[in-house]
C-alpha atoms as a PDB file:
ATOM      1  CA  UNK A   1      24.532  -1.681  -6.771  1.00  0.00           C
ATOM      2  CA  UNK A   2      22.929   1.101  -4.533  1.00  0.00           C
ATOM      3  CA  UNK A   3      24.750   4.756  -4.428  1.00  0.00           C
ATOM      4  CA  UNK A   4      23.584   7.997  -2.760  1.00  0.00           C
ATOM      5  CA  UNK A   5      24.482  10.756  -3.966  1.00  0.00           C
ATOM      6  CA  UNK A   6      24.562  14.441  -2.493  1.00  0.00           C
ATOM      7  CA  UNK A   7      24.452  17.638  -3.320  1.00  0.00           C
ATOM      8  CA  UNK A   8      23.944  21.346  -2.742  1.00  0.00           C
ATOM      9  CA  UNK A   9      26.660  21.810   0.090  1.00  0.00           C
ATOM     10  CA  UNK A  10      28.530  24.772   0.259  1.00  0.00           C
ATOM     11  CA  UNK A  11      28.964  28.492   2.053  1.00  0.00           C
ATOM     12  CA  UNK A  12      26.701  30.200   3.290  1.00  0.00           C
ATOM     13  CA  UNK A  13      26.587  33.331   5.893  1.00  0.00           C
ATOM     14  CA  UNK A  14      24.790  32.916   9.051  1.00  0.00           C
ATOM     15  CA  UNK A  15      21.322  33.680   8.956  1.00  0.00           C
ATOM     16  CA  UNK A  16      21.309  31.755   5.511  1.00  0.00           C
ATOM     17  CA  UNK A  17      19.920  28.968   3.762  1.00  0.00           C
ATOM     18  CA  UNK A  18      20.538  26.145   2.104  1.00  0.00           C
ATOM     19  CA  UNK A  19      18.898  22.594   0.776  1.00  0.00           C
ATOM     20  CA  UNK A  20      20.869  19.427   0.335  1.00  0.00           C
ATOM     21  CA  UNK A  21      19.302  16.785  -2.316  1.00  0.00           C
ATOM     22  CA  UNK A  22      20.327  13.063  -1.660  1.00  0.00           C
ATOM     23  CA  UNK A  23      19.123  10.267  -4.428  1.00  0.00           C
ATOM     24  CA  UNK A  24      19.400   7.051  -4.534  1.00  0.00           C
ATOM     25  CA  UNK A  25      20.111   5.159  -7.472  1.00  0.00           C
ATOM     26  CA  UNK A  26      20.770   1.450  -8.480  1.00  0.00           C
ATOM     27  CA  UNK A  27      18.617  -1.819  -8.631  1.00  0.00           C
ATOM     28  CA  UNK A  28      16.334  -0.727  -5.299  1.00  0.00           C
ATOM     29  CA  UNK A  29      13.036  -2.905  -4.457  1.00  0.00           C
ATOM     30  CA  UNK A  30      12.271  -0.193  -1.968  1.00  0.00           C
ATOM     31  CA  UNK A  31      13.543   2.859  -0.035  1.00  0.00           C
ATOM     32  CA  UNK A  32      12.489   2.864   3.788  1.00  0.00           C
ATOM     33  CA  UNK A  33      13.344   5.695   6.729  1.00  0.00           C
ATOM     34  CA  UNK A  34      15.409   8.260   4.937  1.00  0.00           C
ATOM     35  CA  UNK A  35      17.950  10.880   6.660  1.00  0.00           C
ATOM     36  CA  UNK A  36      20.212  13.362   7.536  1.00  0.00           C
ATOM     37  CA  UNK A  37      23.228  13.405   9.228  1.00  0.00           C
ATOM     38  CA  UNK A  38      26.015  15.544  10.416  1.00  0.00           C
ATOM     39  CA  UNK A  39      29.547  15.480  11.405  1.00  0.00           C
ATOM     40  CA  UNK A  40      31.639  18.577  12.576  1.00  0.00           C
ATOM     41  CA  UNK A  41      35.193  18.225  12.983  1.00  0.00           C
ATOM     42  CA  UNK A  42      35.889  16.495  16.734  1.00  0.00           C
ATOM     43  CA  UNK A  43      32.639  15.790  16.505  1.00  0.00           C
ATOM     44  CA  UNK A  44      30.078  12.425  16.629  1.00  0.00           C
ATOM     45  CA  UNK A  45      27.993  11.858  13.382  1.00  0.00           C
ATOM     46  CA  UNK A  46      24.633  13.218  14.839  1.00  0.00           C
ATOM     47  CA  UNK A  47      21.109  12.651  13.658  1.00  0.00           C
ATOM     48  CA  UNK A  48      19.653  15.927  11.956  1.00  0.00           C
ATOM     49  CA  UNK A  49      16.688  14.839  10.758  1.00  0.00           C
ATOM     50  CA  UNK A  50      14.796  11.361   9.394  1.00  0.00           C
ATOM     51  CA  UNK A  51      11.576  10.754   7.638  1.00  0.00           C
ATOM     52  CA  UNK A  52       9.958   7.259   7.085  1.00  0.00           C
ATOM     53  CA  UNK A  53       8.128   6.350   3.651  1.00  0.00           C
ATOM     54  CA  UNK A  54       4.940   7.276   4.768  1.00  0.00           C
ATOM     55  CA  UNK A  55       6.382  11.036   5.940  1.00  0.00           C
ATOM     56  CA  UNK A  56       6.853  10.643   9.078  1.00  0.00           C
ATOM     57  CA  UNK A  57       9.747  13.281  10.294  1.00  0.00           C
ATOM     58  CA  UNK A  58      11.802  13.361  13.349  1.00  0.00           C
ATOM     59  CA  UNK A  59      14.239  16.287  14.126  1.00  0.00           C
ATOM     60  CA  UNK A  60      17.072  16.968  16.750  1.00  0.00           C
ATOM     61  CA  UNK A  61      16.394  19.517  18.813  1.00  0.00           C
ATOM     62  CA  UNK A  62      18.787  21.471  17.476  1.00  0.00           C
ATOM     63  CA  UNK A  63      17.188  22.202  14.298  1.00  0.00           C
ATOM     64  CA  UNK A  64      13.747  21.835  14.874  1.00  0.00           C
ATOM     65  CA  UNK A  65      11.984  24.898  13.524  1.00  0.00           C
ATOM     66  CA  UNK A  66      14.837  25.568  11.397  1.00  0.00           C
ATOM     67  CA  UNK A  67      15.135  22.805   9.278  1.00  0.00           C
ATOM     68  CA  UNK A  68      12.912  20.730   6.987  1.00  0.00           C
ATOM     69  CA  UNK A  69      13.387  17.318   5.631  1.00  0.00           C
ATOM     70  CA  UNK A  70      11.143  16.201   2.818  1.00  0.00           C
ATOM     71  CA  UNK A  71      11.022  13.220  -0.019  1.00  0.00           C
ATOM     72  CA  UNK A  72       9.917  12.652  -3.168  1.00  0.00           C
ATOM     73  CA  UNK A  73       9.416   8.531  -3.412  1.00  0.00           C
ATOM     74  CA  UNK A  74       8.739   8.499  -7.312  1.00  0.00           C
ATOM     75  CA  UNK A  75      12.743  10.410  -8.153  1.00  0.00           C
ATOM     76  CA  UNK A  76      13.813   7.900  -4.843  1.00  0.00           C
ATOM     77  CA  UNK A  77      15.339  11.637  -3.277  1.00  0.00           C
ATOM     78  CA  UNK A  78      15.425  13.250   0.372  1.00  0.00           C
ATOM     79  CA  UNK A  79      15.564  17.031   0.754  1.00  0.00           C
ATOM     80  CA  UNK A  80      17.084  18.667   3.431  1.00  0.00           C
ATOM     81  CA  UNK A  81      15.672  22.718   3.780  1.00  0.00           C
ATOM     82  CA  UNK A  82      17.642  24.273   6.217  1.00  0.00           C
ATOM     83  CA  UNK A  83      16.875  27.809   7.122  1.00  0.00           C
ATOM     84  CA  UNK A  84      18.221  31.071   9.882  1.00  0.00           C
ATOM     85  CA  UNK A  85      21.672  28.534   9.746  1.00  0.00           C
ATOM     86  CA  UNK A  86      24.228  29.875  12.102  1.00  0.00           C
ATOM     87  CA  UNK A  87      28.106  28.708  12.567  1.00  0.00           C
ATOM     88  CA  UNK A  88      26.935  25.453  14.974  1.00  0.00           C
ATOM     89  CA  UNK A  89      25.791  23.928  12.179  1.00  0.00           C
ATOM     90  CA  UNK A  90      29.078  24.061   9.899  1.00  0.00           C
ATOM     91  CA  UNK A  91      29.782  20.054   9.460  1.00  0.00           C
ATOM     92  CA  UNK A  92      29.689  17.329   6.571  1.00  0.00           C
ATOM     93  CA  UNK A  93      26.110  16.454   6.126  1.00  0.00           C
ATOM     94  CA  UNK A  94      25.664  12.569   5.079  1.00  0.00           C
ATOM     95  CA  UNK A  95      23.066  11.274   3.689  1.00  0.00           C
ATOM     96  CA  UNK A  96      21.380   7.659   5.159  1.00  0.00           C
ATOM     97  CA  UNK A  97      18.902   5.130   3.667  1.00  0.00           C
ATOM     98  CA  UNK A  98      17.609   1.915   4.796  1.00  0.00           C
ATOM     99  CA  UNK A  99      17.279   0.028   1.364  1.00  0.00           C
ATOM    100  CA  UNK A 100      15.973  -3.342  -0.096  1.00  0.00           C
ATOM    101  CA  UNK A 101      17.558  -4.703  -2.438  1.00  0.00           C
ATOM    102  CA  UNK A 102      17.279  -8.912  -3.971  1.00  0.00           C
ATOM    103  CA  UNK A 103      19.818  -9.919  -1.240  1.00  0.00           C
ATOM    104  CA  UNK A 104      17.832  -8.007   1.171  1.00  0.00           C
ATOM    105  CA  UNK A 105      17.806  -4.911   3.302  1.00  0.00           C
ATOM    106  CA  UNK A 106      20.802  -2.665   4.219  1.00  0.00           C
ATOM    107  CA  UNK A 107      21.563   0.775   5.384  1.00  0.00           C
ATOM    108  CA  UNK A 108      23.324   3.036   3.026  1.00  0.00           C
ATOM    109  CA  UNK A 109      25.326   6.243   3.043  1.00  0.00           C
ATOM    110  CA  UNK A 110      26.110   8.889   1.130  1.00  0.00           C
ATOM    111  CA  UNK A 111      29.953  10.317   0.162  1.00  0.00           C
ATOM    112  CA  UNK A 112      29.132  13.443   2.371  1.00  0.00           C
ATOM    113  CA  UNK A 113      28.763  17.023   1.475  1.00  0.00           C
ATOM    114  CA  UNK A 114      30.313  19.586   3.357  1.00  0.00           C
ATOM    115  CA  UNK A 115      27.922  22.796   4.850  1.00  0.00           C
ATOM    116  CA  UNK A 116      30.137  25.958   6.055  1.00  0.00           C
ATOM    117  CA  UNK A 117      28.201  28.713   7.831  1.00  0.00           C
ATOM    118  CA  UNK A 118      31.095  31.854   7.963  1.00  0.00           C
ATOM    119  CA  UNK A 119      30.713  35.263   7.572  1.00  0.00           C
END
């Protein structure tokens, strides 16, 4: 059984920073792409950023230059450093990973962590 556990969300003022972490655990053979999505109230879930096992990154236009995704393959962990936060970044942030276990490869999701940007 695979679990993704997120941490690091919270309340921050506009212009502030937060760092999200997501650790994968369980009977994992390998982790392919990992990423972060977010869902604001009344909106669809959207991709924020993702990163391949080799470290190639991709960002949505709305966060380019402000957010940085990284991963530690030895720890099965992906990070999202968020700088210059603004109220439009307020959302539940979800970790996603494409993971290979004995039965094959599947998509896994974390439980979500709330990020609120407000003064």
